Amino acid sequence: MNEITVLDAVTAFADWMEPTAAELDAIEREMPLILADVDLIDAQIIAMDHTPNDVDTRRVRRALARVLTEYRVLANRTTDAVGGAA
């Protein structure tokens, strides 16, 4: 049986396991899309909680439109940084 030693527990949280500055920057760039996805999931959960009505339908459509907009913005920003065309 493998036993976890104190050394394993300490090295599991070593500094080199932290996200790099580039990874944190990528997360920051993607945050609007992540938040839009969360809003879409929230709207879908609300619609599933009861019989969907017109307000639920509009809420889901708005959330989906926001996800698509944020995805487009992120994709264009990424291709601009790389030098490609969107």
Protein backbone atom coordinates (compact mmCIF):
# COMPACT_ATOMS: atom_id res chain seq x y z
CA MET A 1 0.00 0.00 0.00
CA ASN A 2 1.31 3.45 -0.91
CA GLU A 3 1.54 5.90 1.92
CA ILE A 4 1.52 9.65 1.48
CA THR A 5 4.47 11.17 3.24
CA VAL A 6 4.83 14.68 4.62
CA LEU A 7 7.24 15.44 1.78
CA ASP A 8 4.56 14.51 -0.79
CA ALA A 9 2.04 16.75 0.95
CA VAL A 10 4.46 19.67 0.99
CA THR A 11 5.55 19.30 -2.62
CA ALA A 12 1.92 19.01 -3.74
CA PHE A 13 1.60 22.73 -3.02
CA ALA A 14 5.01 23.83 -4.27
CA ASP A 15 5.43 27.24 -5.90
CA TRP A 16 6.18 25.73 -9.29
CA MET A 17 2.64 24.30 -9.42
CA GLU A 18 1.04 27.75 -9.40
CA PRO A 19 -0.35 29.12 -12.67
CA THR A 20 2.07 31.20 -14.67
CA ALA A 21 1.49 34.85 -15.48
CA ALA A 22 0.61 33.87 -19.06
CA GLU A 23 -1.99 31.37 -17.83
CA LEU A 24 -3.52 33.97 -15.51
CA ASP A 25 -3.63 36.45 -18.39
CA ALA A 26 -5.40 33.89 -20.57
CA ILE A 27 -7.97 33.27 -17.85
CA GLU A 28 -8.49 37.02 -17.48
CA ARG A 29 -9.03 37.38 -21.25
CA GLU A 30 -11.56 34.52 -21.24
CA MET A 31 -13.42 35.70 -18.11
CA PRO A 32 -16.24 37.53 -19.97
CA LEU A 33 -16.96 34.35 -21.94
CA ILE A 34 -16.83 32.23 -18.78
CA LEU A 35 -19.27 34.56 -17.01
CA ALA A 36 -21.58 34.56 -20.04
CA ASP A 37 -21.55 30.74 -20.00
CA VAL A 38 -22.45 30.77 -16.31
CA ASP A 39 -25.37 33.12 -17.01
CA LEU A 40 -26.58 30.83 -19.80
CA ILE A 41 -26.43 27.79 -17.54
CA ASP A 42 -28.30 29.71 -14.82
CA ALA A 43 -31.01 30.70 -17.31
CA GLN A 44 -31.34 27.11 -18.51
CA ILE A 45 -31.60 25.82 -14.93
CA ILE A 46 -34.30 28.36 -14.13
CA ALA A 47 -36.22 27.32 -17.25
CA MET A 48 -35.95 23.64 -16.31
CA ASP A 49 -37.16 24.26 -12.77
CA HIS A 50 -40.74 24.84 -13.92
CA THR A 51 -42.81 24.95 -17.09
CA PRO A 52 -40.95 27.41 -19.33
CA ASN A 53 -42.77 30.64 -20.15
CA ASP A 54 -42.03 33.61 -22.41
CA VAL A 55 -39.76 35.27 -19.85
CA ASP A 56 -37.65 32.11 -19.54
CA THR A 57 -37.40 31.85 -23.31
CA ARG A 58 -36.22 35.46 -23.60
CA ARG A 59 -33.76 34.99 -20.73
CA VAL A 60 -32.18 31.94 -22.39
CA ARG A 61 -32.04 33.66 -25.80
CA ARG A 62 -30.38 36.76 -24.32
CA ALA A 63 -27.88 34.62 -22.43
CA LEU A 64 -27.09 32.60 -25.56
CA ALA A 65 -26.66 35.79 -27.59
CA ARG A 66 -24.25 37.09 -24.96
CA VAL A 67 -22.23 33.85 -25.08
CA LEU A 68 -21.99 34.05 -28.86
CA THR A 69 -21.00 37.73 -28.72
CA GLU A 70 -18.30 37.11 -26.12
CA TYR A 71 -17.03 34.12 -28.11
CA ARG A 72 -16.82 36.27 -31.25
CA VAL A 73 -14.99 39.04 -29.37
CA LEU A 74 -12.53 36.54 -27.89
CA ALA A 75 -11.95 34.85 -31.25
CA ASN A 76 -11.34 38.17 -32.98
CA ARG A 77 -9.00 39.32 -30.21
CA THR A 78 -7.06 36.06 -30.48
CA THR A 79 -6.71 36.22 -34.26
CA ASP A 80 -5.71 39.89 -34.06
CA ALA A 81 -2.95 38.97 -31.63
CA VAL A 82 -1.77 36.14 -33.88
CA GLY A 83 -2.10 38.23 -37.02
CA GLY A 84 -4.75 36.19 -38.80
CA ALA A 85 -8.10 37.16 -40.21
CA ALA A 86 -11.38 36.39 -38.51
